[in-house]
Amino acid sequence: MRSCQYHDVRTTLTLEDDLAARLRVEAARSGVSFKQAVNQVLRTGLAARSQKKPAKKFKVRAFDTGIRPGISFDCASRLLDEIEGPMHR
């Protein structure tokens, strides 16, 4: 049985200024090095992305609104005229 070993990979990463500042704050708040803060934030973000549940299907349930036949919802002002009369404005 082979054991799995992880090795540090040294790479250059260009961070935008706002992200670097937030990572520095997180490192200071957590009492860890900048490198450790970057690794922790990346692990947390990747774990959260992999744990997302698929969204439930959206279902539209129709029901009788009780509106009289012949009333159209296509024009709101005409509908208001029909329901409330021309003085609704």
PDB file of N, CA and C in Angstrom:
ATOM      1  N   MET A   1       0.843  -1.178   0.000  1.00  0.00           N
ATOM      2  CA  MET A   1       0.000   0.000   0.000  1.00  0.00           C
ATOM      3  C   MET A   1       0.887   1.240   0.000  1.00  0.00           C
ATOM      4  N   ARG A   2       0.627   2.142  -0.950  1.00  0.00           N
ATOM      5  CA  ARG A   2       1.400   3.372  -1.037  1.00  0.00           C
ATOM      6  C   ARG A   2       0.802   4.426  -0.132  1.00  0.00           C
ATOM      7  N   SER A   3       1.656   5.148   0.529  1.00  0.00           N
ATOM      8  CA  SER A   3       1.162   6.256   1.335  1.00  0.00           C
ATOM      9  C   SER A   3       1.198   7.519   0.489  1.00  0.00           C
ATOM     10  N   CYS A   4       0.250   8.359   0.734  1.00  0.00           N
ATOM     11  CA  CYS A   4       0.143   9.608  -0.012  1.00  0.00           C
ATOM     12  C   CYS A   4       0.864  10.697   0.770  1.00  0.00           C
ATOM     13  N   GLN A   5       1.810  11.343   0.146  1.00  0.00           N
ATOM     14  CA  GLN A   5       2.543  12.419   0.800  1.00  0.00           C
ATOM     15  C   GLN A   5       2.336  13.710   0.022  1.00  0.00           C
ATOM     16  N   TYR A   6       2.176  14.770   0.764  1.00  0.00           N
ATOM     17  CA  TYR A   6       2.016  16.077   0.150  1.00  0.00           C
ATOM     18  C   TYR A   6       3.325  16.834   0.285  1.00  0.00           C
ATOM     19  N   HIS A   7       3.699  17.502  -0.756  1.00  0.00           N
ATOM     20  CA  HIS A   7       4.910  18.315  -0.742  1.00  0.00           C
ATOM     21  C   HIS A   7       4.521  19.760  -0.995  1.00  0.00           C
ATOM     22  N   ASP A   8       5.229  20.655  -0.333  1.00  0.00           N
ATOM     23  CA  ASP A   8       4.994  22.070  -0.596  1.00  0.00           C
ATOM     24  C   ASP A   8       5.390  22.382  -2.024  1.00  0.00           C
ATOM     25  N   VAL A   9       4.570  23.148  -2.693  1.00  0.00           N
ATOM     26  CA  VAL A   9       4.864  23.593  -4.047  1.00  0.00           C
ATOM     27  C   VAL A   9       5.103  25.085  -3.978  1.00  0.00           C
ATOM     28  N   ARG A  10       6.253  25.486  -4.413  1.00  0.00           N
ATOM     29  CA  ARG A  10       6.585  26.908  -4.403  1.00  0.00           C
ATOM     30  C   ARG A  10       6.149  27.481  -5.740  1.00  0.00           C
ATOM     31  N   THR A  11       5.355  28.527  -5.659  1.00  0.00           N
ATOM     32  CA  THR A  11       4.865  29.155  -6.879  1.00  0.00           C
ATOM     33  C   THR A  11       4.739  30.650  -6.652  1.00  0.00           C
ATOM     34  N   THR A  12       4.694  31.382  -7.724  1.00  0.00           N
ATOM     35  CA  THR A  12       4.495  32.822  -7.639  1.00  0.00           C
ATOM     36  C   THR A  12       3.032  33.089  -7.916  1.00  0.00           C
ATOM     37  N   LEU A  13       2.425  33.867  -7.032  1.00  0.00           N
ATOM     38  CA  LEU A  13       1.013  34.174  -7.149  1.00  0.00           C
ATOM     39  C   LEU A  13       0.855  35.683  -7.106  1.00  0.00           C
ATOM     40  N   THR A  14       0.191  36.239  -8.082  1.00  0.00           N
ATOM     41  CA  THR A  14      -0.048  37.676  -8.111  1.00  0.00           C
ATOM     42  C   THR A  14      -1.435  37.939  -7.544  1.00  0.00           C
ATOM     43  N   LEU A  15      -1.480  38.672  -6.437  1.00  0.00           N
ATOM     44  CA  LEU A  15      -2.741  38.993  -5.777  1.00  0.00           C
ATOM     45  C   LEU A  15      -3.096  40.441  -6.038  1.00  0.00           C
ATOM     46  N   GLU A  16      -4.360  40.705  -6.168  1.00  0.00           N
ATOM     47  CA  GLU A  16      -4.801  42.089  -6.274  1.00  0.00           C
ATOM     48  C   GLU A  16      -4.637  42.732  -4.898  1.00  0.00           C
ATOM     49  N   ASP A  17      -4.427  44.045  -4.901  1.00  0.00           N
ATOM     50  CA  ASP A  17      -4.122  44.770  -3.668  1.00  0.00           C
ATOM     51  C   ASP A  17      -5.154  44.559  -2.561  1.00  0.00           C
ATOM     52  N   ASP A  18      -6.447  44.578  -2.928  1.00  0.00           N
ATOM     53  CA  ASP A  18      -7.483  44.437  -1.908  1.00  0.00           C
ATOM     54  C   ASP A  18      -7.454  43.055  -1.268  1.00  0.00           C
ATOM     55  N   LEU A  19      -7.168  42.014  -2.071  1.00  0.00           N
ATOM     56  CA  LEU A  19      -7.102  40.660  -1.519  1.00  0.00           C
ATOM     57  C   LEU A  19      -5.875  40.483  -0.629  1.00  0.00           C
ATOM     58  N   ALA A  20      -4.764  41.034  -1.058  1.00  0.00           N
ATOM     59  CA  ALA A  20      -3.551  40.943  -0.245  1.00  0.00           C
ATOM     60  C   ALA A  20      -3.759  41.627   1.103  1.00  0.00           C
ATOM     61  N   ALA A  21      -4.417  42.785   1.085  1.00  0.00           N
ATOM     62  CA  ALA A  21      -4.679  43.498   2.339  1.00  0.00           C
ATOM     63  C   ALA A  21      -5.586  42.678   3.252  1.00  0.00           C
ATOM     64  N   ARG A  22      -6.637  42.076   2.682  1.00  0.00           N
ATOM     65  CA  ARG A  22      -7.555  41.262   3.491  1.00  0.00           C
ATOM     66  C   ARG A  22      -6.845  40.032   4.053  1.00  0.00           C
ATOM     67  N   LEU A  23      -5.940  39.460   3.267  1.00  0.00           N
ATOM     68  CA  LEU A  23      -5.180  38.297   3.751  1.00  0.00           C
ATOM     69  C   LEU A  23      -4.219  38.689   4.867  1.00  0.00           C
ATOM     70  N   ARG A  24      -3.619  39.866   4.767  1.00  0.00           N
ATOM     71  CA  ARG A  24      -2.734  40.336   5.840  1.00  0.00           C
ATOM     72  C   ARG A  24      -3.523  40.528   7.134  1.00  0.00           C
ATOM     73  N   VAL A  25      -4.714  41.106   7.012  1.00  0.00           N
ATOM     74  CA  VAL A  25      -5.571  41.295   8.181  1.00  0.00           C
ATOM     75  C   VAL A  25      -5.948  39.940   8.767  1.00  0.00           C
ATOM     76  N   GLU A  26      -6.320  38.991   7.922  1.00  0.00           N
ATOM     77  CA  GLU A  26      -6.689  37.648   8.397  1.00  0.00           C
ATOM     78  C   GLU A  26      -5.508  36.961   9.071  1.00  0.00           C
ATOM     79  N   ALA A  27      -4.307  37.109   8.521  1.00  0.00           N
ATOM     80  CA  ALA A  27      -3.118  36.509   9.129  1.00  0.00           C
ATOM     81  C   ALA A  27      -2.875  37.095  10.516  1.00  0.00           C
ATOM     82  N   ALA A  28      -2.986  38.405  10.632  1.00  0.00           N
ATOM     83  CA  ALA A  28      -2.776  39.061  11.929  1.00  0.00           C
ATOM     84  C   ALA A  28      -3.861  38.654  12.925  1.00  0.00           C
ATOM     85  N   ARG A  29      -5.106  38.604  12.458  1.00  0.00           N
ATOM     86  CA  ARG A  29      -6.222  38.222  13.332  1.00  0.00           C
ATOM     87  C   ARG A  29      -6.072  36.791  13.829  1.00  0.00           C
ATOM     88  N   SER A  30      -5.629  35.908  12.952  1.00  0.00           N
ATOM     89  CA  SER A  30      -5.498  34.489  13.301  1.00  0.00           C
ATOM     90  C   SER A  30      -4.183  34.163  13.987  1.00  0.00           C
ATOM     91  N   GLY A  31      -3.213  35.080  13.907  1.00  0.00           N
ATOM     92  CA  GLY A  31      -1.904  34.822  14.498  1.00  0.00           C
ATOM     93  C   GLY A  31      -1.087  33.807  13.716  1.00  0.00           C
ATOM     94  N   VAL A  32      -1.298  33.796  12.392  1.00  0.00           N
ATOM     95  CA  VAL A  32      -0.550  32.869  11.537  1.00  0.00           C
ATOM     96  C   VAL A  32       0.226  33.685  10.509  1.00  0.00           C
ATOM     97  N   SER A  33       1.104  33.010   9.804  1.00  0.00           N
ATOM     98  CA  SER A  33       1.874  33.693   8.764  1.00  0.00           C
ATOM     99  C   SER A  33       0.971  33.991   7.563  1.00  0.00           C
ATOM    100  N   PHE A  34       1.442  34.884   6.707  1.00  0.00           N
ATOM    101  CA  PHE A  34       0.704  35.227   5.497  1.00  0.00           C
ATOM    102  C   PHE A  34       0.479  33.972   4.657  1.00  0.00           C
ATOM    103  N   LYS A  35       1.515  33.157   4.515  1.00  0.00           N
ATOM    104  CA  LYS A  35       1.421  31.915   3.740  1.00  0.00           C
ATOM    105  C   LYS A  35       0.348  30.996   4.319  1.00  0.00           C
ATOM    106  N   GLN A  36       0.318  30.849   5.639  1.00  0.00           N
ATOM    107  CA  GLN A  36      -0.686  29.994   6.271  1.00  0.00           C
ATOM    108  C   GLN A  36      -2.092  30.564   6.070  1.00  0.00           C
ATOM    109  N   ALA A  37      -2.222  31.874   6.137  1.00  0.00           N
ATOM    110  CA  ALA A  37      -3.532  32.502   5.919  1.00  0.00           C
ATOM    111  C   ALA A  37      -4.020  32.248   4.502  1.00  0.00           C
ATOM    112  N   VAL A  38      -3.126  32.377   3.525  1.00  0.00           N
ATOM    113  CA  VAL A  38      -3.496  32.116   2.125  1.00  0.00           C
ATOM    114  C   VAL A  38      -3.962  30.666   1.981  1.00  0.00           C
ATOM    115  N   ASN A  39      -3.210  29.734   2.540  1.00  0.00           N
ATOM    116  CA  ASN A  39      -3.578  28.325   2.435  1.00  0.00           C
ATOM    117  C   ASN A  39      -4.907  28.036   3.122  1.00  0.00           C
ATOM    118  N   GLN A  40      -5.130  28.605   4.296  1.00  0.00           N
ATOM    119  CA  GLN A  40      -6.384  28.373   5.011  1.00  0.00           C
ATOM    120  C   GLN A  40      -7.582  28.920   4.231  1.00  0.00           C
ATOM    121  N   VAL A  41      -7.429  30.127   3.698  1.00  0.00           N
ATOM    122  CA  VAL A  41      -8.529  30.744   2.946  1.00  0.00           C
ATOM    123  C   VAL A  41      -8.812  29.946   1.676  1.00  0.00           C
ATOM    124  N   LEU A  42      -7.777  29.501   0.993  1.00  0.00           N
ATOM    125  CA  LEU A  42      -7.979  28.682  -0.203  1.00  0.00           C
ATOM    126  C   LEU A  42      -8.664  27.364   0.138  1.00  0.00           C
ATOM    127  N   ARG A  43      -8.236  26.701   1.203  1.00  0.00           N
ATOM    128  CA  ARG A  43      -8.876  25.433   1.607  1.00  0.00           C
ATOM    129  C   ARG A  43     -10.352  25.644   1.941  1.00  0.00           C
ATOM    130  N   THR A  44     -10.629  26.691   2.712  1.00  0.00           N
ATOM    131  CA  THR A  44     -12.008  26.980   3.098  1.00  0.00           C
ATOM    132  C   THR A  44     -12.865  27.266   1.867  1.00  0.00           C
ATOM    133  N   GLY A  45     -12.359  28.087   0.973  1.00  0.00           N
ATOM    134  CA  GLY A  45     -13.110  28.424  -0.239  1.00  0.00           C
ATOM    135  C   GLY A  45     -13.351  27.227  -1.131  1.00  0.00           C
ATOM    136  N   LEU A  46     -12.331  26.401  -1.321  1.00  0.00           N
ATOM    137  CA  LEU A  46     -12.486  25.217  -2.163  1.00  0.00           C
ATOM    138  C   LEU A  46     -13.435  24.202  -1.535  1.00  0.00           C
ATOM    139  N   ALA A  47     -13.371  24.049  -0.225  1.00  0.00           N
ATOM    140  CA  ALA A  47     -14.270  23.119   0.462  1.00  0.00           C
ATOM    141  C   ALA A  47     -15.712  23.595   0.342  1.00  0.00           C
ATOM    142  N   ALA A  48     -15.932  24.894   0.477  1.00  0.00           N
ATOM    143  CA  ALA A  48     -17.293  25.439   0.385  1.00  0.00           C
ATOM    144  C   ALA A  48     -17.860  25.242  -1.015  1.00  0.00           C
ATOM    145  N   ARG A  49     -17.033  25.419  -2.015  1.00  0.00           N
ATOM    146  CA  ARG A  49     -17.511  25.247  -3.395  1.00  0.00           C
ATOM    147  C   ARG A  49     -17.881  23.811  -3.677  1.00  0.00           C
ATOM    148  N   SER A  50     -17.134  22.873  -3.118  1.00  0.00           N
ATOM    149  CA  SER A  50     -17.410  21.462  -3.401  1.00  0.00           C
ATOM    150  C   SER A  50     -18.602  20.945  -2.611  1.00  0.00           C
ATOM    151  N   GLN A  51     -19.045  21.674  -1.582  1.00  0.00           N
ATOM    152  CA  GLN A  51     -20.148  21.222  -0.754  1.00  0.00           C
ATOM    153  C   GLN A  51     -21.475  21.872  -1.120  1.00  0.00           C
ATOM    154  N   LYS A  52     -21.503  22.665  -2.166  1.00  0.00           N
ATOM    155  CA  LYS A  52     -22.750  23.308  -2.550  1.00  0.00           C
ATOM    156  C   LYS A  52     -23.742  22.259  -3.014  1.00  0.00           C
ATOM    157  N   LYS A  53     -24.947  22.409  -2.529  1.00  0.00           N
ATOM    158  CA  LYS A  53     -26.013  21.500  -2.933  1.00  0.00           C
ATOM    159  C   LYS A  53     -26.686  22.075  -4.169  1.00  0.00           C
ATOM    160  N   PRO A  54     -27.122  21.202  -5.071  1.00  0.00           N
ATOM    161  CA  PRO A  54     -27.822  21.722  -6.243  1.00  0.00           C
ATOM    162  C   PRO A  54     -29.126  22.402  -5.824  1.00  0.00           C
ATOM    163  N   ALA A  55     -29.448  23.450  -6.515  1.00  0.00           N
ATOM    164  CA  ALA A  55     -30.664  24.197  -6.204  1.00  0.00           C
ATOM    165  C   ALA A  55     -31.893  23.343  -6.489  1.00  0.00           C
ATOM    166  N   LYS A  56     -32.908  23.518  -5.654  1.00  0.00           N
ATOM    167  CA  LYS A  56     -34.159  22.802  -5.885  1.00  0.00           C
ATOM    168  C   LYS A  56     -34.825  23.361  -7.138  1.00  0.00           C
ATOM    169  N   LYS A  57     -35.521  22.487  -7.841  1.00  0.00           N
ATOM    170  CA  LYS A  57     -36.225  22.932  -9.030  1.00  0.00           C
ATOM    171  C   LYS A  57     -37.337  23.892  -8.634  1.00  0.00           C
ATOM    172  N   PHE A  58     -37.478  24.931  -9.415  1.00  0.00           N
ATOM    173  CA  PHE A  58     -38.502  25.938  -9.167  1.00  0.00           C
ATOM    174  C   PHE A  58     -39.774  25.496  -9.865  1.00  0.00           C
ATOM    175  N   LYS A  59     -40.850  25.437  -9.118  1.00  0.00           N
ATOM    176  CA  LYS A  59     -42.134  25.049  -9.688  1.00  0.00           C
ATOM    177  C   LYS A  59     -43.111  26.204  -9.556  1.00  0.00           C
ATOM    178  N   VAL A  60     -43.833  26.457 -10.618  1.00  0.00           N
ATOM    179  CA  VAL A  60     -44.876  27.476 -10.598  1.00  0.00           C
ATOM    180  C   VAL A  60     -46.194  26.759 -10.366  1.00  0.00           C
ATOM    181  N   ARG A  61     -46.899  27.193  -9.351  1.00  0.00           N
ATOM    182  CA  ARG A  61     -48.196  26.601  -9.053  1.00  0.00           C
ATOM    183  C   ARG A  61     -49.276  27.606  -9.433  1.00  0.00           C
ATOM    184  N   ALA A  62     -50.065  27.261 -10.403  1.00  0.00           N
ATOM    185  CA  ALA A  62     -51.133  28.131 -10.858  1.00  0.00           C
ATOM    186  C   ALA A  62     -52.349  27.975  -9.952  1.00  0.00           C
ATOM    187  N   PHE A  63     -53.083  29.051  -9.798  1.00  0.00           N
ATOM    188  CA  PHE A  63     -54.321  28.989  -9.035  1.00  0.00           C
ATOM    189  C   PHE A  63     -55.298  30.010  -9.607  1.00  0.00           C
ATOM    190  N   ASP A  64     -56.552  29.785  -9.369  1.00  0.00           N
ATOM    191  CA  ASP A  64     -57.598  30.656  -9.869  1.00  0.00           C
ATOM    192  C   ASP A  64     -57.596  31.954  -9.073  1.00  0.00           C
ATOM    193  N   THR A  65     -57.438  33.068  -9.776  1.00  0.00           N
ATOM    194  CA  THR A  65     -57.409  34.370  -9.100  1.00  0.00           C
ATOM    195  C   THR A  65     -58.794  34.964  -8.916  1.00  0.00           C
ATOM    196  N   GLY A  66     -59.763  34.358  -9.535  1.00  0.00           N
ATOM    197  CA  GLY A  66     -61.120  34.853  -9.407  1.00  0.00           C
ATOM    198  C   GLY A  66     -61.401  36.093 -10.227  1.00  0.00           C
ATOM    199  N   ILE A  67     -60.540  36.442 -11.157  1.00  0.00           N
ATOM    200  CA  ILE A  67     -60.739  37.614 -12.008  1.00  0.00           C
ATOM    201  C   ILE A  67     -61.824  37.294 -13.045  1.00  0.00           C
ATOM    202  N   ARG A  68     -62.659  38.270 -13.297  1.00  0.00           N
ATOM    203  CA  ARG A  68     -63.733  38.083 -14.270  1.00  0.00           C
ATOM    204  C   ARG A  68     -63.174  37.802 -15.655  1.00  0.00           C
ATOM    205  N   PRO A  69     -63.873  36.961 -16.413  1.00  0.00           N
ATOM    206  CA  PRO A  69     -63.456  36.714 -17.800  1.00  0.00           C
ATOM    207  C   PRO A  69     -63.487  38.013 -18.590  1.00  0.00           C
ATOM    208  N   GLY A  70     -62.527  38.174 -19.474  1.00  0.00           N
ATOM    209  CA  GLY A  70     -62.477  39.355 -20.323  1.00  0.00           C
ATOM    210  C   GLY A  70     -61.552  40.438 -19.811  1.00  0.00           C
ATOM    211  N   ILE A  71     -61.071  40.346 -18.565  1.00  0.00           N
ATOM    212  CA  ILE A  71     -60.130  41.333 -18.052  1.00  0.00           C
ATOM    213  C   ILE A  71     -58.730  40.906 -18.458  1.00  0.00           C
ATOM    214  N   SER A  72     -57.967  41.821 -19.043  1.00  0.00           N
ATOM    215  CA  SER A  72     -56.617  41.527 -19.520  1.00  0.00           C
ATOM    216  C   SER A  72     -55.580  42.127 -18.573  1.00  0.00           C
ATOM    217  N   PHE A  73     -54.532  41.385 -18.321  1.00  0.00           N
ATOM    218  CA  PHE A  73     -53.422  41.868 -17.497  1.00  0.00           C
ATOM    219  C   PHE A  73     -52.313  42.485 -18.356  1.00  0.00           C
ATOM    220  N   ASP A  74     -52.538  42.586 -19.666  1.00  0.00           N
ATOM    221  CA  ASP A  74     -51.499  43.052 -20.584  1.00  0.00           C
ATOM    222  C   ASP A  74     -51.183  44.533 -20.413  1.00  0.00           C
ATOM    223  N   CYS A  75     -52.123  45.338 -19.998  1.00  0.00           N
ATOM    224  CA  CYS A  75     -51.898  46.770 -19.852  1.00  0.00           C
ATOM    225  C   CYS A  75     -52.385  47.189 -18.464  1.00  0.00           C
ATOM    226  N   ALA A  76     -51.464  47.563 -17.605  1.00  0.00           N
ATOM    227  CA  ALA A  76     -51.795  47.871 -16.215  1.00  0.00           C
ATOM    228  C   ALA A  76     -52.752  49.060 -16.104  1.00  0.00           C
ATOM    229  N   SER A  77     -52.544  50.108 -16.908  1.00  0.00           N
ATOM    230  CA  SER A  77     -53.418  51.277 -16.794  1.00  0.00           C
ATOM    231  C   SER A  77     -54.831  50.955 -17.259  1.00  0.00           C
ATOM    232  N   ARG A  78     -54.972  50.154 -18.296  1.00  0.00           N
ATOM    233  CA  ARG A  78     -56.303  49.754 -18.757  1.00  0.00           C
ATOM    234  C   ARG A  78     -56.987  48.891 -17.700  1.00  0.00           C
ATOM    235  N   LEU A  79     -56.206  48.006 -17.071  1.00  0.00           N
ATOM    236  CA  LEU A  79     -56.750  47.146 -16.020  1.00  0.00           C
ATOM    237  C   LEU A  79     -57.246  47.995 -14.844  1.00  0.00           C
ATOM    238  N   LEU A  80     -56.468  48.990 -14.437  1.00  0.00           N
ATOM    239  CA  LEU A  80     -56.899  49.878 -13.352  1.00  0.00           C
ATOM    240  C   LEU A  80     -58.164  50.644 -13.736  1.00  0.00           C
ATOM    241  N   ASP A  81     -58.241  51.077 -14.999  1.00  0.00           N
ATOM    242  CA  ASP A  81     -59.451  51.756 -15.465  1.00  0.00           C
ATOM    243  C   ASP A  81     -60.663  50.838 -15.346  1.00  0.00           C
ATOM    244  N   GLU A  82     -60.485  49.567 -15.713  1.00  0.00           N
ATOM    245  CA  GLU A  82     -61.597  48.619 -15.679  1.00  0.00           C
ATOM    246  C   GLU A  82     -62.013  48.303 -14.245  1.00  0.00           C
ATOM    247  N   ILE A  83     -61.054  48.220 -13.336  1.00  0.00           N
ATOM    248  CA  ILE A  83     -61.360  47.824 -11.973  1.00  0.00           C
ATOM    249  C   ILE A  83     -61.793  49.012 -11.114  1.00  0.00           C
ATOM    250  N   GLU A  84     -61.043  50.116 -11.189  1.00  0.00           N
ATOM    251  CA  GLU A  84     -61.280  51.245 -10.291  1.00  0.00           C
ATOM    252  C   GLU A  84     -61.947  52.435 -10.956  1.00  0.00           C
ATOM    253  N   GLY A  85     -62.066  52.384 -12.260  1.00  0.00           N
ATOM    254  CA  GLY A  85     -62.650  53.509 -12.982  1.00  0.00           C
ATOM    255  C   GLY A  85     -61.585  54.493 -13.402  1.00  0.00           C
ATOM    256  N   PRO A  86     -61.948  55.438 -14.260  1.00  0.00           N
ATOM    257  CA  PRO A  86     -60.961  56.363 -14.816  1.00  0.00           C
ATOM    258  C   PRO A  86     -60.404  57.364 -13.802  1.00  0.00           C
ATOM    259  N   MET A  87     -60.990  57.464 -12.618  1.00  0.00           N
ATOM    260  CA  MET A  87     -60.527  58.442 -11.628  1.00  0.00           C
ATOM    261  C   MET A  87     -59.469  57.868 -10.685  1.00  0.00           C
ATOM    262  N   HIS A  88     -58.919  56.692 -10.968  1.00  0.00           N
ATOM    263  CA  HIS A  88     -57.929  56.080 -10.057  1.00  0.00           C
ATOM    264  C   HIS A  88     -56.622  56.848 -10.009  1.00  0.00           C
ATOM    265  N   ARG A  89     -56.402  57.716 -10.964  1.00  0.00           N
ATOM    266  CA  ARG A  89     -55.121  58.447 -11.025  1.00  0.00           C
ATOM    267  C   ARG A  89     -55.211  59.643 -10.202  1.00  0.00           C
TER     268      ARG A  89
END
